[in-house]
């Protein structure tokens, strides 16, 4: 090891996201897609969310797993809560 690299952790290359072919019953997919829509996620993001949750509950989610990537439009620059009008973004029934 060289003196300048001592004590610094090795750099990890950014990992690309894996693509997986998944075959689902059409009714299961429709239910999943509706659920994803209710939570403002894509079906793919909902599947990853549910898999991560199941892995965490089973104690099998690796510690070095990063957070779910944020998708969509970034928050407005002036709002600290992610909405442009200062509301919480949650609608009341």
PDB file of N, CA and C in Angstrom:
ATOM      1  N   UNK A   1       0.839  -1.189   0.000  1.00  0.00           N
ATOM      2  CA  UNK A   1       0.000   0.000   0.000  1.00  0.00           C
ATOM      3  C   UNK A   1       0.877   1.242   0.000  1.00  0.00           C
ATOM      4  N   UNK A   2       0.409   2.257  -0.645  1.00  0.00           N
ATOM      5  CA  UNK A   2       1.144   3.512  -0.649  1.00  0.00           C
ATOM      6  C   UNK A   2       0.731   4.341   0.545  1.00  0.00           C
ATOM      7  N   UNK A   3       1.598   5.234   1.016  1.00  0.00           N
ATOM      8  CA  UNK A   3       1.263   6.029   2.203  1.00  0.00           C
ATOM      9  C   UNK A   3      -0.027   6.829   2.047  1.00  0.00           C
ATOM     10  N   UNK A   4      -0.314   7.358   0.841  1.00  0.00           N
ATOM     11  CA  UNK A   4      -1.515   8.174   0.711  1.00  0.00           C
ATOM     12  C   UNK A   4      -2.798   7.339   0.741  1.00  0.00           C
ATOM     13  N   UNK A   5      -2.706   6.027   0.499  1.00  0.00           N
ATOM     14  CA  UNK A   5      -3.909   5.207   0.506  1.00  0.00           C
ATOM     15  C   UNK A   5      -4.131   4.510   1.846  1.00  0.00           C
ATOM     16  N   UNK A   6      -3.164   4.592   2.757  1.00  0.00           N
ATOM     17  CA  UNK A   6      -3.331   3.945   4.053  1.00  0.00           C
ATOM     18  C   UNK A   6      -4.419   4.649   4.857  1.00  0.00           C
ATOM     19  N   UNK A   7      -5.274   3.842   5.474  1.00  0.00           N
ATOM     20  CA  UNK A   7      -6.311   4.399   6.336  1.00  0.00           C
ATOM     21  C   UNK A   7      -7.559   4.846   5.601  1.00  0.00           C
ATOM     22  N   UNK A   8      -7.558   4.806   4.291  1.00  0.00           N
ATOM     23  CA  UNK A   8      -8.761   5.176   3.553  1.00  0.00           C
ATOM     24  C   UNK A   8      -9.424   3.908   3.047  1.00  0.00           C
ATOM     25  N   UNK A   9     -10.747   3.848   3.122  1.00  0.00           N
ATOM     26  CA  UNK A   9     -11.430   2.641   2.651  1.00  0.00           C
ATOM     27  C   UNK A   9     -11.306   2.520   1.138  1.00  0.00           C
ATOM     28  N   UNK A  10     -11.288   1.311   0.623  1.00  0.00           N
ATOM     29  CA  UNK A  10     -11.203   1.146  -0.832  1.00  0.00           C
ATOM     30  C   UNK A  10     -12.461   1.683  -1.502  1.00  0.00           C
ATOM     31  N   UNK A  11     -12.283   2.248  -2.676  1.00  0.00           N
ATOM     32  CA  UNK A  11     -13.430   2.776  -3.418  1.00  0.00           C
ATOM     33  C   UNK A  11     -14.213   1.639  -4.030  1.00  0.00           C
ATOM     34  N   UNK A  12     -15.535   1.738  -3.930  1.00  0.00           N
ATOM     35  CA  UNK A  12     -16.401   0.761  -4.580  1.00  0.00           C
ATOM     36  C   UNK A  12     -16.924   1.375  -5.855  1.00  0.00           C
ATOM     37  N   UNK A  13     -16.887   0.610  -6.912  1.00  0.00           N
ATOM     38  CA  UNK A  13     -17.451   1.098  -8.164  1.00  0.00           C
ATOM     39  C   UNK A  13     -18.963   1.162  -8.017  1.00  0.00           C
ATOM     40  N   UNK A  14     -19.596   2.181  -8.591  1.00  0.00           N
ATOM     41  CA  UNK A  14     -21.058   2.236  -8.528  1.00  0.00           C
ATOM     42  C   UNK A  14     -21.644   1.004  -9.228  1.00  0.00           C
ATOM     43  N   UNK A  15     -22.561   0.366  -8.560  1.00  0.00           N
ATOM     44  CA  UNK A  15     -23.169  -0.821  -9.141  1.00  0.00           C
ATOM     45  C   UNK A  15     -24.368  -0.431  -9.989  1.00  0.00           C
ATOM     46  N   UNK A  16     -24.477  -1.076 -11.126  1.00  0.00           N
ATOM     47  CA  UNK A  16     -25.650  -0.845 -11.944  1.00  0.00           C
ATOM     48  C   UNK A  16     -26.780  -1.690 -11.397  1.00  0.00           C
ATOM     49  N   UNK A  17     -27.986  -1.224 -11.615  1.00  0.00           N
ATOM     50  CA  UNK A  17     -29.145  -1.965 -11.146  1.00  0.00           C
ATOM     51  C   UNK A  17     -29.340  -3.190 -12.021  1.00  0.00           C
ATOM     52  N   UNK A  18     -29.674  -4.287 -11.404  1.00  0.00           N
ATOM     53  CA  UNK A  18     -29.876  -5.548 -12.112  1.00  0.00           C
ATOM     54  C   UNK A  18     -31.249  -5.565 -12.774  1.00  0.00           C
ATOM     55  N   UNK A  19     -31.308  -6.159 -13.954  1.00  0.00           N
ATOM     56  CA  UNK A  19     -32.573  -6.359 -14.636  1.00  0.00           C
ATOM     57  C   UNK A  19     -32.975  -7.811 -14.456  1.00  0.00           C
ATOM     58  N   UNK A  20     -34.240  -8.028 -14.112  1.00  0.00           N
ATOM     59  CA  UNK A  20     -34.730  -9.373 -13.858  1.00  0.00           C
ATOM     60  C   UNK A  20     -36.043  -9.561 -14.616  1.00  0.00           C
ATOM     61  N   UNK A  21     -36.157 -10.665 -15.314  1.00  0.00           N
ATOM     62  CA  UNK A  21     -37.411 -11.013 -15.956  1.00  0.00           C
ATOM     63  C   UNK A  21     -38.281 -11.681 -14.905  1.00  0.00           C
ATOM     64  N   UNK A  22     -39.473 -11.174 -14.713  1.00  0.00           N
ATOM     65  CA  UNK A  22     -40.367 -11.707 -13.689  1.00  0.00           C
ATOM     66  C   UNK A  22     -41.693 -12.059 -14.338  1.00  0.00           C
ATOM     67  N   UNK A  23     -42.104 -13.280 -14.195  1.00  0.00           N
ATOM     68  CA  UNK A  23     -43.389 -13.714 -14.735  1.00  0.00           C
ATOM     69  C   UNK A  23     -44.396 -13.728 -13.592  1.00  0.00           C
ATOM     70  N   UNK A  24     -45.490 -13.029 -13.789  1.00  0.00           N
ATOM     71  CA  UNK A  24     -46.539 -12.949 -12.772  1.00  0.00           C
ATOM     72  C   UNK A  24     -47.880 -13.316 -13.381  1.00  0.00           C
ATOM     73  N   UNK A  25     -48.740 -13.850 -12.555  1.00  0.00           N
ATOM     74  CA  UNK A  25     -50.131 -14.048 -12.946  1.00  0.00           C
ATOM     75  C   UNK A  25     -50.708 -12.671 -13.281  1.00  0.00           C
ATOM     76  N   UNK A  26     -51.441 -12.531 -14.363  1.00  0.00           N
ATOM     77  CA  UNK A  26     -51.977 -11.218 -14.739  1.00  0.00           C
ATOM     78  C   UNK A  26     -52.815 -10.557 -13.650  1.00  0.00           C
ATOM     79  N   UNK A  27     -53.565 -11.331 -12.888  1.00  0.00           N
ATOM     80  CA  UNK A  27     -54.378 -10.745 -11.817  1.00  0.00           C
ATOM     81  C   UNK A  27     -53.499 -10.242 -10.668  1.00  0.00           C
ATOM     82  N   UNK A  28     -52.419 -10.965 -10.399  1.00  0.00           N
ATOM     83  CA  UNK A  28     -51.472 -10.512  -9.370  1.00  0.00           C
ATOM     84  C   UNK A  28     -50.831  -9.211  -9.818  1.00  0.00           C
ATOM     85  N   UNK A  29     -50.434  -9.138 -11.090  1.00  0.00           N
ATOM     86  CA  UNK A  29     -49.831  -7.912 -11.597  1.00  0.00           C
ATOM     87  C   UNK A  29     -50.809  -6.740 -11.525  1.00  0.00           C
ATOM     88  N   UNK A  30     -52.052  -6.961 -11.898  1.00  0.00           N
ATOM     89  CA  UNK A  30     -53.052  -5.879 -11.848  1.00  0.00           C
ATOM     90  C   UNK A  30     -53.232  -5.370 -10.421  1.00  0.00           C
ATOM     91  N   UNK A  31     -53.296  -6.291  -9.462  1.00  0.00           N
ATOM     92  CA  UNK A  31     -53.425  -5.881  -8.059  1.00  0.00           C
ATOM     93  C   UNK A  31     -52.193  -5.097  -7.611  1.00  0.00           C
ATOM     94  N   UNK A  32     -51.024  -5.567  -8.008  1.00  0.00           N
ATOM     95  CA  UNK A  32     -49.775  -4.892  -7.669  1.00  0.00           C
ATOM     96  C   UNK A  32     -49.725  -3.499  -8.300  1.00  0.00           C
ATOM     97  N   UNK A  33     -50.128  -3.391  -9.551  1.00  0.00           N
ATOM     98  CA  UNK A  33     -50.111  -2.104 -10.248  1.00  0.00           C
ATOM     99  C   UNK A  33     -51.081  -1.115  -9.602  1.00  0.00           C
ATOM    100  N   UNK A  34     -52.253  -1.590  -9.183  1.00  0.00           N
ATOM    101  CA  UNK A  34     -53.207  -0.702  -8.483  1.00  0.00           C
ATOM    102  C   UNK A  34     -52.620  -0.222  -7.161  1.00  0.00           C
ATOM    103  N   UNK A  35     -52.015  -1.142  -6.400  1.00  0.00           N
ATOM    104  CA  UNK A  35     -51.390  -0.799  -5.121  1.00  0.00           C
ATOM    105  C   UNK A  35     -50.276   0.217  -5.347  1.00  0.00           C
ATOM    106  N   UNK A  36     -49.449  -0.025  -6.358  1.00  0.00           N
ATOM    107  CA  UNK A  36     -48.355   0.897  -6.666  1.00  0.00           C
ATOM    108  C   UNK A  36     -48.912   2.278  -7.000  1.00  0.00           C
ATOM    109  N   UNK A  37     -49.962   2.329  -7.794  1.00  0.00           N
ATOM    110  CA  UNK A  37     -50.580   3.605  -8.142  1.00  0.00           C
ATOM    111  C   UNK A  37     -51.114   4.334  -6.923  1.00  0.00           C
ATOM    112  N   UNK A  38     -51.687   3.598  -6.001  1.00  0.00           N
ATOM    113  CA  UNK A  38     -52.196   4.212  -4.766  1.00  0.00           C
ATOM    114  C   UNK A  38     -51.073   4.860  -3.959  1.00  0.00           C
ATOM    115  N   UNK A  39     -49.866   4.304  -4.056  1.00  0.00           N
ATOM    116  CA  UNK A  39     -48.722   4.823  -3.308  1.00  0.00           C
ATOM    117  C   UNK A  39     -47.782   5.665  -4.172  1.00  0.00           C
ATOM    118  N   UNK A  40     -48.261   6.030  -5.366  1.00  0.00           N
ATOM    119  CA  UNK A  40     -47.511   6.877  -6.302  1.00  0.00           C
ATOM    120  C   UNK A  40     -46.151   6.285  -6.655  1.00  0.00           C
ATOM    121  N   UNK A  41     -46.148   4.976  -6.894  1.00  0.00           N
ATOM    122  CA  UNK A  41     -44.942   4.281  -7.327  1.00  0.00           C
ATOM    123  C   UNK A  41     -45.240   3.567  -8.641  1.00  0.00           C
ATOM    124  N   UNK A  42     -44.186   3.218  -9.360  1.00  0.00           N
ATOM    125  CA  UNK A  42     -44.339   2.339 -10.512  1.00  0.00           C
ATOM    126  C   UNK A  42     -44.479   0.909  -9.985  1.00  0.00           C
ATOM    127  N   UNK A  43     -44.945   0.015 -10.836  1.00  0.00           N
ATOM    128  CA  UNK A  43     -45.045  -1.391 -10.430  1.00  0.00           C
ATOM    129  C   UNK A  43     -43.652  -1.923 -10.080  1.00  0.00           C
ATOM    130  N   UNK A  44     -42.643  -1.530 -10.849  1.00  0.00           N
ATOM    131  CA  UNK A  44     -41.274  -1.980 -10.583  1.00  0.00           C
ATOM    132  C   UNK A  44     -40.794  -1.486  -9.211  1.00  0.00           C
ATOM    133  N   UNK A  45     -41.041  -0.215  -8.913  1.00  0.00           N
ATOM    134  CA  UNK A  45     -40.624   0.340  -7.617  1.00  0.00           C
ATOM    135  C   UNK A  45     -41.382  -0.335  -6.473  1.00  0.00           C
ATOM    136  N   UNK A  46     -42.652  -0.672  -6.703  1.00  0.00           N
ATOM    137  CA  UNK A  46     -43.443  -1.343  -5.665  1.00  0.00           C
ATOM    138  C   UNK A  46     -42.873  -2.733  -5.395  1.00  0.00           C
ATOM    139  N   UNK A  47     -42.490  -3.450  -6.452  1.00  0.00           N
ATOM    140  CA  UNK A  47     -41.897  -4.779  -6.269  1.00  0.00           C
ATOM    141  C   UNK A  47     -40.607  -4.666  -5.458  1.00  0.00           C
ATOM    142  N   UNK A  48     -39.748  -3.705  -5.811  1.00  0.00           N
ATOM    143  CA  UNK A  48     -38.497  -3.545  -5.067  1.00  0.00           C
ATOM    144  C   UNK A  48     -38.769  -3.152  -3.614  1.00  0.00           C
ATOM    145  N   UNK A  49     -39.729  -2.258  -3.390  1.00  0.00           N
ATOM    146  CA  UNK A  49     -40.096  -1.850  -2.033  1.00  0.00           C
ATOM    147  C   UNK A  49     -40.520  -3.063  -1.208  1.00  0.00           C
ATOM    148  N   UNK A  50     -41.386  -3.896  -1.790  1.00  0.00           N
ATOM    149  CA  UNK A  50     -41.889  -5.064  -1.059  1.00  0.00           C
ATOM    150  C   UNK A  50     -40.797  -6.098  -0.815  1.00  0.00           C
ATOM    151  N   UNK A  51     -39.922  -6.290  -1.808  1.00  0.00           N
ATOM    152  CA  UNK A  51     -38.813  -7.234  -1.611  1.00  0.00           C
ATOM    153  C   UNK A  51     -37.862  -6.760  -0.519  1.00  0.00           C
ATOM    154  N   UNK A  52     -37.540  -5.471  -0.523  1.00  0.00           N
ATOM    155  CA  UNK A  52     -36.655  -4.934   0.526  1.00  0.00           C
ATOM    156  C   UNK A  52     -37.291  -5.073   1.906  1.00  0.00           C
ATOM    157  N   UNK A  53     -38.592  -4.805   1.984  1.00  0.00           N
ATOM    158  CA  UNK A  53     -39.304  -4.921   3.262  1.00  0.00           C
ATOM    159  C   UNK A  53     -39.265  -6.371   3.757  1.00  0.00           C
ATOM    160  N   UNK A  54     -39.525  -7.318   2.858  1.00  0.00           N
ATOM    161  CA  UNK A  54     -39.507  -8.732   3.241  1.00  0.00           C
ATOM    162  C   UNK A  54     -38.099  -9.165   3.668  1.00  0.00           C
ATOM    163  N   UNK A  55     -37.084  -8.728   2.935  1.00  0.00           N
ATOM    164  CA  UNK A  55     -35.708  -9.063   3.308  1.00  0.00           C
ATOM    165  C   UNK A  55     -35.343  -8.481   4.670  1.00  0.00           C
ATOM    166  N   UNK A  56     -35.742  -7.238   4.920  1.00  0.00           N
ATOM    167  CA  UNK A  56     -35.440  -6.604   6.209  1.00  0.00           C
ATOM    168  C   UNK A  56     -36.139  -7.338   7.350  1.00  0.00           C
ATOM    169  N   UNK A  57     -37.414  -7.690   7.149  1.00  0.00           N
ATOM    170  CA  UNK A  57     -38.159  -8.391   8.197  1.00  0.00           C
ATOM    171  C   UNK A  57     -37.573  -9.768   8.484  1.00  0.00           C
ATOM    172  N   UNK A  58     -36.988 -10.392   7.459  1.00  0.00           N
ATOM    173  CA  UNK A  58     -36.379 -11.713   7.633  1.00  0.00           C
ATOM    174  C   UNK A  58     -34.933 -11.624   8.110  1.00  0.00           C
ATOM    175  N   UNK A  59     -34.431 -10.387   8.268  1.00  0.00           N
ATOM    176  CA  UNK A  59     -33.050 -10.211   8.699  1.00  0.00           C
ATOM    177  C   UNK A  59     -32.045 -10.570   7.615  1.00  0.00           C
ATOM    178  N   UNK A  60     -32.437 -10.454   6.355  1.00  0.00           N
ATOM    179  CA  UNK A  60     -31.575 -10.852   5.245  1.00  0.00           C
ATOM    180  C   UNK A  60     -31.187  -9.699   4.334  1.00  0.00           C
ATOM    181  N   UNK A  61     -31.566  -8.488   4.660  1.00  0.00           N
ATOM    182  CA  UNK A  61     -31.190  -7.338   3.838  1.00  0.00           C
ATOM    183  C   UNK A  61     -29.759  -6.952   4.185  1.00  0.00           C
ATOM    184  N   UNK A  62     -28.835  -6.987   3.211  1.00  0.00           N
ATOM    185  CA  UNK A  62     -27.438  -6.638   3.512  1.00  0.00           C
ATOM    186  C   UNK A  62     -27.312  -5.215   4.059  1.00  0.00           C
ATOM    187  N   UNK A  63     -26.423  -5.043   5.029  1.00  0.00           N
ATOM    188  CA  UNK A  63     -26.228  -3.731   5.652  1.00  0.00           C
ATOM    189  C   UNK A  63     -25.794  -2.674   4.659  1.00  0.00           C
ATOM    190  N   UNK A  64     -24.997  -3.083   3.687  1.00  0.00           N
ATOM    191  CA  UNK A  64     -24.474  -2.102   2.744  1.00  0.00           C
ATOM    192  C   UNK A  64     -25.466  -1.731   1.645  1.00  0.00           C
ATOM    193  N   UNK A  65     -26.676  -2.269   1.709  1.00  0.00           N
ATOM    194  CA  UNK A  65     -27.697  -1.916   0.728  1.00  0.00           C
ATOM    195  C   UNK A  65     -28.068  -0.449   0.909  1.00  0.00           C
ATOM    196  N   UNK A  66     -28.019   0.282  -0.174  1.00  0.00           N
ATOM    197  CA  UNK A  66     -28.357   1.701  -0.128  1.00  0.00           C
ATOM    198  C   UNK A  66     -29.859   1.904  -0.073  1.00  0.00           C
ATOM    199  N   UNK A  67     -30.274   3.150   0.105  1.00  0.00           N
ATOM    200  CA  UNK A  67     -31.705   3.435   0.135  1.00  0.00           C
ATOM    201  C   UNK A  67     -32.308   3.287  -1.259  1.00  0.00           C
ATOM    202  N   UNK A  68     -33.615   3.183  -1.313  1.00  0.00           N
ATOM    203  CA  UNK A  68     -34.294   3.145  -2.605  1.00  0.00           C
ATOM    204  C   UNK A  68     -33.992   4.436  -3.348  1.00  0.00           C
ATOM    205  N   UNK A  69     -33.679   4.341  -4.620  1.00  0.00           N
ATOM    206  CA  UNK A  69     -33.427   5.576  -5.371  1.00  0.00           C
ATOM    207  C   UNK A  69     -34.691   6.409  -5.470  1.00  0.00           C
ATOM    208  N   UNK A  70     -34.547   7.712  -5.326  1.00  0.00           N
ATOM    209  CA  UNK A  70     -35.693   8.607  -5.445  1.00  0.00           C
ATOM    210  C   UNK A  70     -35.972   8.826  -6.913  1.00  0.00           C
ATOM    211  N   UNK A  71     -37.215   8.783  -7.273  1.00  0.00           N
ATOM    212  CA  UNK A  71     -37.618   8.954  -8.656  1.00  0.00           C
ATOM    213  C   UNK A  71     -38.476  10.207  -8.776  1.00  0.00           C
ATOM    214  N   UNK A  72     -38.654  10.642  -9.998  1.00  0.00           N
ATOM    215  CA  UNK A  72     -39.573  11.739 -10.251  1.00  0.00           C
ATOM    216  C   UNK A  72     -38.920  13.099 -10.177  1.00  0.00           C
ATOM    217  N   UNK A  73     -39.756  14.082 -10.160  1.00  0.00           N
ATOM    218  CA  UNK A  73     -39.316  15.472 -10.167  1.00  0.00           C
ATOM    219  C   UNK A  73     -38.733  15.853  -8.809  1.00  0.00           C
ATOM    220  N   UNK A  74     -37.617  16.584  -8.802  1.00  0.00           N
ATOM    221  CA  UNK A  74     -37.057  17.025  -7.513  1.00  0.00           C
ATOM    222  C   UNK A  74     -37.975  18.051  -6.857  1.00  0.00           C
ATOM    223  N   UNK A  75     -37.890  18.193  -5.534  1.00  0.00           N
ATOM    224  CA  UNK A  75     -38.749  19.159  -4.840  1.00  0.00           C
ATOM    225  C   UNK A  75     -38.442  20.583  -5.284  1.00  0.00           C
ATOM    226  N   UNK A  76     -39.438  21.447  -5.147  1.00  0.00           N
ATOM    227  CA  UNK A  76     -39.248  22.864  -5.471  1.00  0.00           C
ATOM    228  C   UNK A  76     -38.154  23.435  -4.595  1.00  0.00           C
ATOM    229  N   UNK A  77     -37.372  24.360  -5.117  1.00  0.00           N
ATOM    230  CA  UNK A  77     -36.206  24.861  -4.401  1.00  0.00           C
ATOM    231  C   UNK A  77     -36.558  25.587  -3.106  1.00  0.00           C
ATOM    232  N   UNK A  78     -37.719  26.223  -3.031  1.00  0.00           N
ATOM    233  CA  UNK A  78     -38.068  26.992  -1.838  1.00  0.00           C
ATOM    234  C   UNK A  78     -38.765  26.202  -0.755  1.00  0.00           C
ATOM    235  N   UNK A  79     -39.228  24.990  -1.061  1.00  0.00           N
ATOM    236  CA  UNK A  79     -40.010  24.224  -0.084  1.00  0.00           C
ATOM    237  C   UNK A  79     -39.123  23.205   0.611  1.00  0.00           C
ATOM    238  N   UNK A  80     -39.189  23.154   1.921  1.00  0.00           N
ATOM    239  CA  UNK A  80     -38.383  22.200   2.667  1.00  0.00           C
ATOM    240  C   UNK A  80     -39.083  20.863   2.811  1.00  0.00           C
ATOM    241  N   UNK A  81     -40.404  20.816   2.574  1.00  0.00           N
ATOM    242  CA  UNK A  81     -41.139  19.566   2.750  1.00  0.00           C
ATOM    243  C   UNK A  81     -41.464  18.870   1.437  1.00  0.00           C
ATOM    244  N   UNK A  82     -40.924  19.384   0.324  1.00  0.00           N
ATOM    245  CA  UNK A  82     -41.130  18.719  -0.940  1.00  0.00           C
ATOM    246  C   UNK A  82     -42.337  19.195  -1.716  1.00  0.00           C
ATOM    247  N   UNK A  83     -43.071  20.167  -1.192  1.00  0.00           N
ATOM    248  CA  UNK A  83     -44.197  20.715  -1.918  1.00  0.00           C
ATOM    249  C   UNK A  83     -43.929  22.179  -2.211  1.00  0.00           C
ATOM    250  N   UNK A  84     -44.504  22.662  -3.276  1.00  0.00           N
ATOM    251  CA  UNK A  84     -44.227  24.050  -3.663  1.00  0.00           C
ATOM    252  C   UNK A  84     -45.147  25.050  -2.969  1.00  0.00           C
ATOM    253  N   UNK A  85     -46.279  24.583  -2.414  1.00  0.00           N
ATOM    254  CA  UNK A  85     -47.209  25.526  -1.800  1.00  0.00           C
ATOM    255  C   UNK A  85     -47.155  25.532  -0.281  1.00  0.00           C
ATOM    256  N   UNK A  86     -46.208  24.786   0.299  1.00  0.00           N
ATOM    257  CA  UNK A  86     -46.062  24.777   1.747  1.00  0.00           C
ATOM    258  C   UNK A  86     -46.975  23.816   2.459  1.00  0.00           C
ATOM    259  N   UNK A  87     -47.864  23.112   1.724  1.00  0.00           N
ATOM    260  CA  UNK A  87     -48.723  22.128   2.353  1.00  0.00           C
ATOM    261  C   UNK A  87     -47.964  20.833   2.522  1.00  0.00           C
ATOM    262  N   UNK A  88     -48.524  19.911   3.271  1.00  0.00           N
ATOM    263  CA  UNK A  88     -47.833  18.654   3.530  1.00  0.00           C
ATOM    264  C   UNK A  88     -47.905  17.702   2.357  1.00  0.00           C
ATOM    265  N   UNK A  89     -48.776  17.976   1.388  1.00  0.00           N
ATOM    266  CA  UNK A  89     -48.919  17.085   0.262  1.00  0.00           C
ATOM    267  C   UNK A  89     -49.859  15.933   0.535  1.00  0.00           C
ATOM    268  N   UNK A  90     -50.423  15.848   1.742  1.00  0.00           N
ATOM    269  CA  UNK A  90     -51.342  14.800   2.098  1.00  0.00           C
ATOM    270  C   UNK A  90     -52.742  15.366   2.031  1.00  0.00           C
ATOM    271  N   UNK A  91     -53.593  14.705   1.268  1.00  0.00           N
ATOM    272  CA  UNK A  91     -54.973  15.204   1.179  1.00  0.00           C
ATOM    273  C   UNK A  91     -55.813  14.588   2.284  1.00  0.00           C
ATOM    274  N   UNK A  92     -56.720  15.355   2.799  1.00  0.00           N
ATOM    275  CA  UNK A  92     -57.606  14.877   3.843  1.00  0.00           C
ATOM    276  C   UNK A  92     -58.869  14.348   3.201  1.00  0.00           C
ATOM    277  N   UNK A  93     -59.465  13.277   3.753  1.00  0.00           N
ATOM    278  CA  UNK A  93     -60.692  12.715   3.165  1.00  0.00           C
ATOM    279  C   UNK A  93     -61.867  13.641   3.278  1.00  0.00           C
TER     280      UNK A  93
END
